[in-house]
Amino acid sequence: LVALADTITVLNDDDALDLFKKTLPSTASSLLQLRVSASSQKACALSLIRDLRQRVEHAQRPTLDLMALTLTGKKALSQGGFDKVVKMINDMVAMMKQEQLDDEHKKSYCADQLDAGEDKKKGLERTVKDTETGIEDAKEGIATLMQEIEALGAGIKAVDKSVAEATDQR
């Protein structure tokens, strides 16, 4: 729909009209259909709406159904309500553009949140790794101290034994 709206904007531009006028050699050969009946316009619009209805999400279908009903209703046929349909289509295009902008904002917000979450995860993983390394170092330090205590205990026993022997010799 965005592409369709952009195409219509480009075709309605003055530059496109100038280019079209330059392309045709004279006014005698015209490629434009000068008259279109209201019923053929309605039929064309109705077929486009029905085509579009098959391609859009389920949430958008009631809006398109309302447009089709507006085109096919008795009041629309008698009063030429095609302008209402055009207004409804323009409103729907504007709404879809706003939804697209909202979706883009949500996408960028989610991407930012994912990046922040990944950064936090990496920081926590680093902290866990540093803590595990600290625990391993502490365990090694404890083991070394236990060996030193055992060695000192054996040294104390040896000194006590030599003191006891020295005491016995006196």
N, C-alpha and C. Protein backbone atom coordinates (compact mmCIF):
# COMPACT_ATOMS: atom_id res chain seq x y z
N LEU A 1 0.82 -1.19 0.00
CA LEU A 1 0.00 0.00 0.00
C LEU A 1 0.86 1.25 0.00
N VAL A 2 1.98 1.18 0.69
CA VAL A 2 2.89 2.33 0.73
C VAL A 2 3.43 2.59 -0.68
N ALA A 3 3.78 1.51 -1.37
CA ALA A 3 4.31 1.66 -2.72
C ALA A 3 3.23 2.22 -3.65
N LEU A 4 1.99 1.78 -3.48
CA LEU A 4 0.89 2.26 -4.30
C LEU A 4 0.67 3.75 -4.07
N ALA A 5 0.70 4.17 -2.81
CA ALA A 5 0.52 5.58 -2.49
C ALA A 5 1.67 6.42 -3.07
N ASP A 6 2.89 5.90 -2.98
CA ASP A 6 4.05 6.62 -3.54
C ASP A 6 3.94 6.72 -5.07
N THR A 7 3.47 5.65 -5.71
CA THR A 7 3.31 5.66 -7.17
C THR A 7 2.28 6.69 -7.59
N ILE A 8 1.17 6.75 -6.87
CA ILE A 8 0.13 7.73 -7.19
C ILE A 8 0.67 9.14 -7.01
N THR A 9 1.44 9.35 -5.96
CA THR A 9 2.04 10.66 -5.72
C THR A 9 2.97 11.06 -6.87
N VAL A 10 3.78 10.11 -7.33
CA VAL A 10 4.72 10.40 -8.43
C VAL A 10 3.95 10.70 -9.71
N LEU A 11 2.89 9.91 -9.99
CA LEU A 11 2.13 10.12 -11.21
C LEU A 11 1.35 11.43 -11.19
N ASN A 12 0.94 11.89 -10.03
CA ASN A 12 0.21 13.15 -9.92
C ASN A 12 1.13 14.36 -9.90
N ASP A 13 2.41 14.15 -9.86
CA ASP A 13 3.39 15.23 -9.79
C ASP A 13 3.41 16.00 -11.12
N ASP A 14 3.74 17.29 -11.06
CA ASP A 14 3.81 18.14 -12.27
C ASP A 14 4.91 17.68 -13.21
N ASP A 15 6.00 17.16 -12.68
CA ASP A 15 7.10 16.68 -13.53
C ASP A 15 6.64 15.52 -14.40
N ALA A 16 5.80 14.64 -13.84
CA ALA A 16 5.29 13.51 -14.60
C ALA A 16 4.39 14.01 -15.73
N LEU A 17 3.58 15.04 -15.46
CA LEU A 17 2.72 15.61 -16.50
C LEU A 17 3.55 16.23 -17.61
N ASP A 18 4.59 16.98 -17.25
CA ASP A 18 5.46 17.58 -18.26
C ASP A 18 6.13 16.52 -19.12
N LEU A 19 6.61 15.47 -18.48
CA LEU A 19 7.25 14.39 -19.22
C LEU A 19 6.26 13.70 -20.15
N PHE A 20 5.04 13.51 -19.69
CA PHE A 20 4.01 12.87 -20.52
C PHE A 20 3.68 13.74 -21.72
N LYS A 21 3.57 15.06 -21.49
CA LYS A 21 3.27 15.97 -22.60
C LYS A 21 4.40 16.00 -23.64
N LYS A 22 5.65 15.90 -23.17
CA LYS A 22 6.78 15.89 -24.09
C LYS A 22 6.85 14.59 -24.88
N THR A 23 6.39 13.51 -24.27
CA THR A 23 6.46 12.19 -24.91
C THR A 23 5.50 12.09 -26.09
N LEU A 24 4.32 12.63 -25.95
CA LEU A 24 3.33 12.56 -27.03
C LEU A 24 3.64 13.63 -28.07
N PRO A 25 3.67 13.22 -29.36
CA PRO A 25 4.02 14.20 -30.39
C PRO A 25 2.94 15.25 -30.62
N SER A 26 1.69 14.89 -30.49
CA SER A 26 0.64 15.88 -30.71
C SER A 26 -0.55 15.54 -29.84
N THR A 27 -1.52 16.44 -29.81
CA THR A 27 -2.70 16.21 -29.01
C THR A 27 -3.69 15.30 -29.73
N ALA A 28 -3.46 15.02 -31.01
CA ALA A 28 -4.38 14.18 -31.77
C ALA A 28 -4.33 12.74 -31.27
N SER A 29 -3.15 12.26 -30.89
CA SER A 29 -3.06 10.89 -30.40
C SER A 29 -3.00 10.91 -28.88
N SER A 30 -4.06 10.47 -28.27
CA SER A 30 -4.15 10.51 -26.81
C SER A 30 -4.29 9.10 -26.28
N LEU A 31 -3.58 8.83 -25.22
CA LEU A 31 -3.65 7.52 -24.59
C LEU A 31 -4.55 7.53 -23.36
N LEU A 32 -5.07 8.68 -23.02
CA LEU A 32 -5.90 8.79 -21.84
C LEU A 32 -7.35 8.54 -22.16
N GLN A 33 -8.00 7.84 -21.28
CA GLN A 33 -9.42 7.64 -21.42
C GLN A 33 -10.08 8.86 -20.80
N LEU A 34 -10.86 9.57 -21.59
CA LEU A 34 -11.39 10.82 -21.12
C LEU A 34 -12.65 10.67 -20.29
N ARG A 35 -13.43 9.63 -20.55
CA ARG A 35 -14.66 9.45 -19.81
C ARG A 35 -14.69 8.06 -19.18
N VAL A 36 -15.08 8.06 -17.96
CA VAL A 36 -15.24 6.80 -17.24
C VAL A 36 -16.57 6.89 -16.51
N SER A 37 -17.36 5.87 -16.67
CA SER A 37 -18.65 5.91 -15.98
C SER A 37 -18.45 5.61 -14.51
N ALA A 38 -19.37 6.10 -13.73
CA ALA A 38 -19.30 5.89 -12.28
C ALA A 38 -19.40 4.41 -11.95
N SER A 39 -20.21 3.71 -12.69
CA SER A 39 -20.38 2.27 -12.41
C SER A 39 -19.10 1.49 -12.72
N SER A 40 -18.38 1.89 -13.77
CA SER A 40 -17.13 1.18 -14.07
C SER A 40 -16.06 1.53 -13.03
N GLN A 41 -16.08 2.76 -12.54
CA GLN A 41 -15.16 3.13 -11.46
C GLN A 41 -15.46 2.33 -10.21
N LYS A 42 -16.73 2.20 -9.89
CA LYS A 42 -17.13 1.44 -8.70
C LYS A 42 -16.75 -0.03 -8.85
N ALA A 43 -16.97 -0.56 -10.04
CA ALA A 43 -16.64 -1.97 -10.27
C ALA A 43 -15.13 -2.21 -10.14
N CYS A 44 -14.36 -1.27 -10.69
CA CYS A 44 -12.90 -1.39 -10.60
C CYS A 44 -12.45 -1.28 -9.14
N ALA A 45 -13.00 -0.32 -8.43
CA ALA A 45 -12.64 -0.15 -7.01
C ALA A 45 -13.05 -1.35 -6.19
N LEU A 46 -14.23 -1.88 -6.48
CA LEU A 46 -14.72 -3.05 -5.76
C LEU A 46 -13.83 -4.27 -6.01
N SER A 47 -13.38 -4.44 -7.24
CA SER A 47 -12.49 -5.58 -7.52
C SER A 47 -11.14 -5.40 -6.82
N LEU A 48 -10.64 -4.16 -6.79
CA LEU A 48 -9.38 -3.90 -6.08
C LEU A 48 -9.54 -4.16 -4.58
N ILE A 49 -10.66 -3.73 -4.03
CA ILE A 49 -10.88 -3.95 -2.59
C ILE A 49 -10.98 -5.44 -2.29
N ARG A 50 -11.69 -6.17 -3.11
CA ARG A 50 -11.82 -7.62 -2.89
C ARG A 50 -10.48 -8.33 -3.05
N ASP A 51 -9.69 -7.86 -4.01
CA ASP A 51 -8.34 -8.41 -4.19
C ASP A 51 -7.47 -8.15 -2.96
N LEU A 52 -7.54 -6.91 -2.50
CA LEU A 52 -6.75 -6.51 -1.34
C LEU A 52 -7.19 -7.26 -0.09
N ARG A 53 -8.48 -7.52 0.03
CA ARG A 53 -9.04 -8.22 1.19
C ARG A 53 -8.40 -9.59 1.36
N GLN A 54 -8.09 -10.23 0.26
CA GLN A 54 -7.51 -11.58 0.33
C GLN A 54 -6.04 -11.54 0.78
N ARG A 55 -5.40 -10.39 0.64
CA ARG A 55 -3.97 -10.31 0.94
C ARG A 55 -3.65 -9.72 2.31
N VAL A 56 -4.60 -9.05 2.94
CA VAL A 56 -4.30 -8.38 4.20
C VAL A 56 -4.57 -9.28 5.39
N GLU A 57 -4.11 -8.82 6.54
CA GLU A 57 -4.31 -9.55 7.79
C GLU A 57 -5.80 -9.57 8.14
N HIS A 58 -6.14 -10.50 8.98
CA HIS A 58 -7.53 -10.68 9.36
C HIS A 58 -8.10 -9.43 10.05
N ALA A 59 -7.27 -8.71 10.78
CA ALA A 59 -7.73 -7.53 11.52
C ALA A 59 -8.16 -6.40 10.58
N GLN A 60 -7.63 -6.34 9.37
CA GLN A 60 -7.96 -5.26 8.43
C GLN A 60 -9.17 -5.58 7.56
N ARG A 61 -9.61 -6.82 7.56
CA ARG A 61 -10.72 -7.23 6.68
C ARG A 61 -12.03 -6.50 6.95
N PRO A 62 -12.41 -6.26 8.21
CA PRO A 62 -13.69 -5.54 8.41
C PRO A 62 -13.71 -4.17 7.75
N THR A 63 -12.58 -3.48 7.76
CA THR A 63 -12.52 -2.17 7.12
C THR A 63 -12.75 -2.30 5.62
N LEU A 64 -12.12 -3.29 5.03
CA LEU A 64 -12.30 -3.50 3.58
C LEU A 64 -13.71 -3.97 3.27
N ASP A 65 -14.30 -4.78 4.15
CA ASP A 65 -15.68 -5.22 3.96
C ASP A 65 -16.62 -4.03 3.99
N LEU A 66 -16.36 -3.08 4.90
CA LEU A 66 -17.19 -1.88 4.99
C LEU A 66 -17.08 -1.05 3.71
N MET A 67 -15.86 -0.98 3.16
CA MET A 67 -15.69 -0.24 1.90
C MET A 67 -16.46 -0.91 0.77
N ALA A 68 -16.38 -2.23 0.71
CA ALA A 68 -17.10 -2.96 -0.33
C ALA A 68 -18.60 -2.78 -0.16
N LEU A 69 -19.08 -2.82 1.06
CA LEU A 69 -20.50 -2.63 1.33
C LEU A 69 -20.93 -1.22 0.93
N THR A 70 -20.08 -0.25 1.19
CA THR A 70 -20.39 1.13 0.81
C THR A 70 -20.51 1.25 -0.70
N LEU A 71 -19.69 0.53 -1.43
CA LEU A 71 -19.74 0.58 -2.90
C LEU A 71 -20.96 -0.15 -3.46
N THR A 72 -21.36 -1.22 -2.82
CA THR A 72 -22.42 -2.05 -3.38
C THR A 72 -23.79 -1.75 -2.80
N GLY A 73 -23.88 -0.96 -1.76
CA GLY A 73 -25.17 -0.66 -1.14
C GLY A 73 -26.06 0.18 -2.04
N LYS A 74 -27.37 0.15 -1.78
CA LYS A 74 -28.34 0.90 -2.60
C LYS A 74 -28.12 2.40 -2.50
N LYS A 75 -27.81 2.86 -1.29
CA LYS A 75 -27.60 4.29 -1.09
C LYS A 75 -26.38 4.76 -1.88
N ALA A 76 -25.33 3.94 -1.90
CA ALA A 76 -24.12 4.31 -2.63
C ALA A 76 -24.39 4.40 -4.12
N LEU A 77 -25.22 3.49 -4.63
CA LEU A 77 -25.51 3.50 -6.06
C LEU A 77 -26.35 4.70 -6.46
N SER A 78 -27.26 5.10 -5.58
CA SER A 78 -28.15 6.20 -5.94
C SER A 78 -27.52 7.58 -5.71
N GLN A 79 -26.61 7.69 -4.74
CA GLN A 79 -26.07 8.99 -4.42
C GLN A 79 -24.62 9.19 -4.87
N GLY A 80 -24.03 8.23 -5.52
CA GLY A 80 -22.66 8.38 -5.97
C GLY A 80 -21.70 8.48 -4.80
N GLY A 81 -21.72 7.52 -3.88
CA GLY A 81 -20.94 7.54 -2.66
C GLY A 81 -19.49 7.13 -2.84
N PHE A 82 -18.98 7.26 -4.04
CA PHE A 82 -17.60 6.86 -4.30
C PHE A 82 -16.62 7.75 -3.55
N ASP A 83 -16.99 9.00 -3.32
CA ASP A 83 -16.11 9.91 -2.57
C ASP A 83 -15.88 9.42 -1.16
N LYS A 84 -16.91 8.85 -0.57
CA LYS A 84 -16.77 8.31 0.78
C LYS A 84 -15.77 7.16 0.80
N VAL A 85 -15.82 6.34 -0.23
CA VAL A 85 -14.90 5.20 -0.32
C VAL A 85 -13.47 5.69 -0.48
N VAL A 86 -13.29 6.69 -1.31
CA VAL A 86 -11.95 7.25 -1.51
C VAL A 86 -11.43 7.81 -0.19
N LYS A 87 -12.30 8.51 0.55
CA LYS A 87 -11.89 9.05 1.86
C LYS A 87 -11.55 7.91 2.81
N MET A 88 -12.35 6.85 2.80
CA MET A 88 -12.08 5.71 3.67
C MET A 88 -10.74 5.07 3.31
N ILE A 89 -10.47 4.96 2.02
CA ILE A 89 -9.20 4.37 1.58
C ILE A 89 -8.04 5.25 2.01
N ASN A 90 -8.17 6.56 1.84
CA ASN A 90 -7.11 7.47 2.26
C ASN A 90 -6.88 7.41 3.77
N ASP A 91 -7.98 7.32 4.53
CA ASP A 91 -7.86 7.19 5.98
C ASP A 91 -7.15 5.89 6.35
N MET A 92 -7.49 4.81 5.64
CA MET A 92 -6.86 3.53 5.93
C MET A 92 -5.37 3.56 5.59
N VAL A 93 -5.02 4.20 4.48
CA VAL A 93 -3.60 4.32 4.11
C VAL A 93 -2.85 5.12 5.17
N ALA A 94 -3.47 6.21 5.65
CA ALA A 94 -2.83 7.01 6.70
C ALA A 94 -2.67 6.20 7.97
N MET A 95 -3.68 5.42 8.31
CA MET A 95 -3.61 4.59 9.51
C MET A 95 -2.50 3.54 9.37
N MET A 96 -2.41 2.95 8.19
CA MET A 96 -1.38 1.92 7.97
C MET A 96 0.02 2.54 8.01
N LYS A 97 0.17 3.76 7.52
CA LYS A 97 1.47 4.44 7.62
C LYS A 97 1.83 4.66 9.08
N GLN A 98 0.85 5.08 9.88
CA GLN A 98 1.10 5.30 11.30
C GLN A 98 1.47 3.98 11.98
N GLU A 99 0.77 2.91 11.63
CA GLU A 99 1.10 1.59 12.19
C GLU A 99 2.51 1.18 11.79
N GLN A 100 2.90 1.48 10.56
CA GLN A 100 4.24 1.16 10.09
C GLN A 100 5.28 1.92 10.91
N LEU A 101 5.03 3.20 11.16
CA LEU A 101 5.95 3.99 11.99
C LEU A 101 6.02 3.42 13.41
N ASP A 102 4.87 3.07 13.96
CA ASP A 102 4.86 2.48 15.31
C ASP A 102 5.64 1.18 15.34
N ASP A 103 5.46 0.36 14.30
CA ASP A 103 6.19 -0.91 14.23
C ASP A 103 7.70 -0.68 14.14
N GLU A 104 8.10 0.33 13.37
CA GLU A 104 9.53 0.64 13.25
C GLU A 104 10.10 1.10 14.58
N HIS A 105 9.33 1.93 15.31
CA HIS A 105 9.78 2.39 16.63
C HIS A 105 9.89 1.21 17.60
N LYS A 106 8.92 0.33 17.56
CA LYS A 106 8.96 -0.85 18.43
C LYS A 106 10.14 -1.73 18.08
N LYS A 107 10.42 -1.87 16.80
CA LYS A 107 11.54 -2.70 16.37
C LYS A 107 12.87 -2.13 16.87
N SER A 108 13.03 -0.81 16.73
CA SER A 108 14.28 -0.21 17.20
C SER A 108 14.39 -0.30 18.72
N TYR A 109 13.27 -0.13 19.43
CA TYR A 109 13.28 -0.26 20.89
C TYR A 109 13.68 -1.67 21.29
N CYS A 110 13.09 -2.66 20.61
CA CYS A 110 13.41 -4.05 20.93
C CYS A 110 14.87 -4.36 20.62
N ALA A 111 15.38 -3.84 19.52
CA ALA A 111 16.79 -4.06 19.18
C ALA A 111 17.69 -3.45 20.25
N ASP A 112 17.34 -2.25 20.71
CA ASP A 112 18.13 -1.62 21.77
C ASP A 112 18.08 -2.43 23.06
N GLN A 113 16.89 -2.93 23.39
CA GLN A 113 16.75 -3.74 24.60
C GLN A 113 17.53 -5.05 24.49
N LEU A 114 17.52 -5.65 23.31
CA LEU A 114 18.29 -6.89 23.11
C LEU A 114 19.78 -6.63 23.25
N ASP A 115 20.24 -5.52 22.68
CA ASP A 115 21.66 -5.17 22.81
C ASP A 115 22.03 -4.94 24.27
N ALA A 116 21.19 -4.22 24.99
CA ALA A 116 21.45 -3.96 26.41
C ALA A 116 21.46 -5.27 27.20
N GLY A 117 20.51 -6.16 26.88
CA GLY A 117 20.46 -7.46 27.56
C GLY A 117 21.69 -8.30 27.27
N GLU A 118 22.16 -8.28 26.03
CA GLU A 118 23.37 -9.03 25.68
C GLU A 118 24.59 -8.47 26.40
N ASP A 119 24.68 -7.14 26.47
CA ASP A 119 25.80 -6.51 27.19
C ASP A 119 25.77 -6.89 28.67
N LYS A 120 24.60 -6.86 29.25
CA LYS A 120 24.46 -7.22 30.67
C LYS A 120 24.83 -8.69 30.87
N LYS A 121 24.40 -9.54 29.94
CA LYS A 121 24.70 -10.97 30.04
C LYS A 121 26.22 -11.20 29.98
N LYS A 122 26.88 -10.50 29.04
CA LYS A 122 28.34 -10.64 28.93
C LYS A 122 29.03 -10.16 30.20
N GLY A 123 28.55 -9.06 30.76
CA GLY A 123 29.13 -8.55 32.00
C GLY A 123 28.96 -9.55 33.14
N LEU A 124 27.77 -10.12 33.24
CA LEU A 124 27.53 -11.11 34.30
C LEU A 124 28.37 -12.37 34.09
N GLU A 125 28.50 -12.80 32.83
CA GLU A 125 29.34 -13.97 32.55
C GLU A 125 30.80 -13.69 32.95
N ARG A 126 31.27 -12.47 32.67
CA ARG A 126 32.63 -12.10 33.06
C ARG A 126 32.77 -12.12 34.58
N THR A 127 31.78 -11.60 35.27
CA THR A 127 31.80 -11.58 36.74
C THR A 127 31.82 -13.00 37.29
N VAL A 128 31.00 -13.88 36.72
CA VAL A 128 30.96 -15.28 37.17
C VAL A 128 32.31 -15.94 36.94
N LYS A 129 32.90 -15.68 35.78
CA LYS A 129 34.20 -16.28 35.47
C LYS A 129 35.27 -15.77 36.43
N ASP A 130 35.26 -14.46 36.71
CA ASP A 130 36.23 -13.89 37.65
C ASP A 130 36.02 -14.47 39.05
N THR A 131 34.78 -14.64 39.44
CA THR A 131 34.48 -15.21 40.76
C THR A 131 34.95 -16.66 40.84
N GLU A 132 34.71 -17.43 39.77
CA GLU A 132 35.17 -18.82 39.75
C GLU A 132 36.69 -18.89 39.82
N THR A 133 37.36 -18.00 39.12
CA THR A 133 38.82 -17.95 39.18
C THR A 133 39.28 -17.61 40.59
N GLY A 134 38.62 -16.67 41.24
CA GLY A 134 38.94 -16.31 42.62
C GLY A 134 38.73 -17.48 43.56
N ILE A 135 37.66 -18.25 43.36
CA ILE A 135 37.39 -19.43 44.20
C ILE A 135 38.50 -20.46 44.03
N GLU A 136 38.89 -20.69 42.78
CA GLU A 136 39.97 -21.66 42.51
C GLU A 136 41.27 -21.21 43.18
N ASP A 137 41.59 -19.93 43.07
CA ASP A 137 42.80 -19.40 43.70
C ASP A 137 42.73 -19.56 45.22
N ALA A 138 41.54 -19.30 45.79
CA ALA A 138 41.38 -19.44 47.24
C ALA A 138 41.55 -20.90 47.66
N LYS A 139 41.01 -21.84 46.86
CA LYS A 139 41.15 -23.27 47.17
C LYS A 139 42.62 -23.67 47.13
N GLU A 140 43.36 -23.18 46.12
CA GLU A 140 44.78 -23.49 46.03
C GLU A 140 45.53 -22.91 47.23
N GLY A 141 45.17 -21.68 47.63
CA GLY A 141 45.79 -21.05 48.80
C GLY A 141 45.51 -21.85 50.07
N ILE A 142 44.28 -22.34 50.21
CA ILE A 142 43.92 -23.15 51.38
C ILE A 142 44.71 -24.44 51.40
N ALA A 143 44.83 -25.09 50.23
CA ALA A 143 45.59 -26.34 50.16
C ALA A 143 47.05 -26.10 50.52
N THR A 144 47.62 -25.01 50.03
CA THR A 144 49.01 -24.68 50.34
C THR A 144 49.17 -24.43 51.85
N LEU A 145 48.25 -23.68 52.43
CA LEU A 145 48.30 -23.41 53.87
C LEU A 145 48.14 -24.69 54.70
N MET A 146 47.30 -25.60 54.26
CA MET A 146 47.12 -26.88 54.97
C MET A 146 48.43 -27.68 54.96
N GLN A 147 49.10 -27.68 53.79
CA GLN A 147 50.39 -28.38 53.72
C GLN A 147 51.41 -27.74 54.64
N GLU A 148 51.43 -26.41 54.68
CA GLU A 148 52.36 -25.71 55.56
C GLU A 148 52.03 -25.99 57.02
N ILE A 149 50.73 -26.05 57.37
CA ILE A 149 50.34 -26.36 58.75
C ILE A 149 50.78 -27.77 59.12
N GLU A 150 50.59 -28.72 58.21
CA GLU A 150 51.02 -30.10 58.48
C GLU A 150 52.54 -30.17 58.66
N ALA A 151 53.25 -29.42 57.81
CA ALA A 151 54.71 -29.41 57.92
C ALA A 151 55.14 -28.78 59.25
N LEU A 152 54.50 -27.70 59.66
CA LEU A 152 54.81 -27.05 60.92
C LEU A 152 54.44 -27.96 62.10
N GLY A 153 53.31 -28.65 61.96
CA GLY A 153 52.91 -29.60 63.00
C GLY A 153 53.93 -30.71 63.15
N ALA A 154 54.43 -31.22 62.04
CA ALA A 154 55.46 -32.26 62.08
C ALA A 154 56.74 -31.70 62.67
N GLY A 155 57.05 -30.44 62.32
CA GLY A 155 58.25 -29.80 62.88
C GLY A 155 58.11 -29.62 64.39
N ILE A 156 56.92 -29.24 64.86
CA ILE A 156 56.67 -29.07 66.30
C ILE A 156 56.82 -30.41 67.01
N LYS A 157 56.30 -31.47 66.42
CA LYS A 157 56.41 -32.80 67.03
C LYS A 157 57.88 -33.22 67.11
N ALA A 158 58.63 -32.91 66.06
CA ALA A 158 60.04 -33.26 66.06
C ALA A 158 60.79 -32.48 67.14
N VAL A 159 60.46 -31.20 67.30
CA VAL A 159 61.10 -30.38 68.32
C VAL A 159 60.70 -30.90 69.71
N ASP A 160 59.43 -31.24 69.90
CA ASP A 160 58.99 -31.78 71.19
C ASP A 160 59.72 -33.09 71.50
N LYS A 161 59.90 -33.91 70.48
CA LYS A 161 60.58 -35.20 70.67
C LYS A 161 62.04 -34.97 71.05
N SER A 162 62.68 -34.00 70.37
CA SER A 162 64.08 -33.74 70.71
C SER A 162 64.20 -33.10 72.09
N VAL A 163 63.25 -32.27 72.49
CA VAL A 163 63.26 -31.68 73.83
C VAL A 163 63.06 -32.79 74.87
N ALA A 164 62.18 -33.71 74.60
CA ALA A 164 61.93 -34.82 75.52
C ALA A 164 63.18 -35.67 75.65
N GLU A 165 63.87 -35.94 74.55
CA GLU A 165 65.10 -36.75 74.60
C GLU A 165 66.19 -35.98 75.37
N ALA A 166 66.27 -34.69 75.14
CA ALA A 166 67.26 -33.87 75.83
C ALA A 166 66.95 -33.84 77.33
N THR A 167 65.70 -33.81 77.65
CA THR A 167 65.31 -33.82 79.04
C THR A 167 65.65 -35.17 79.68
N ASP A 168 65.43 -36.24 78.97
CA ASP A 168 65.76 -37.57 79.47
C ASP A 168 67.27 -37.71 79.63
N GLN A 169 68.06 -37.15 78.79
CA GLN A 169 69.49 -37.25 78.89
C GLN A 169 70.01 -36.42 80.06
N ARG A 170 69.40 -35.47 80.52
CA ARG A 170 69.87 -34.67 81.62
C ARG A 170 69.54 -35.36 82.86
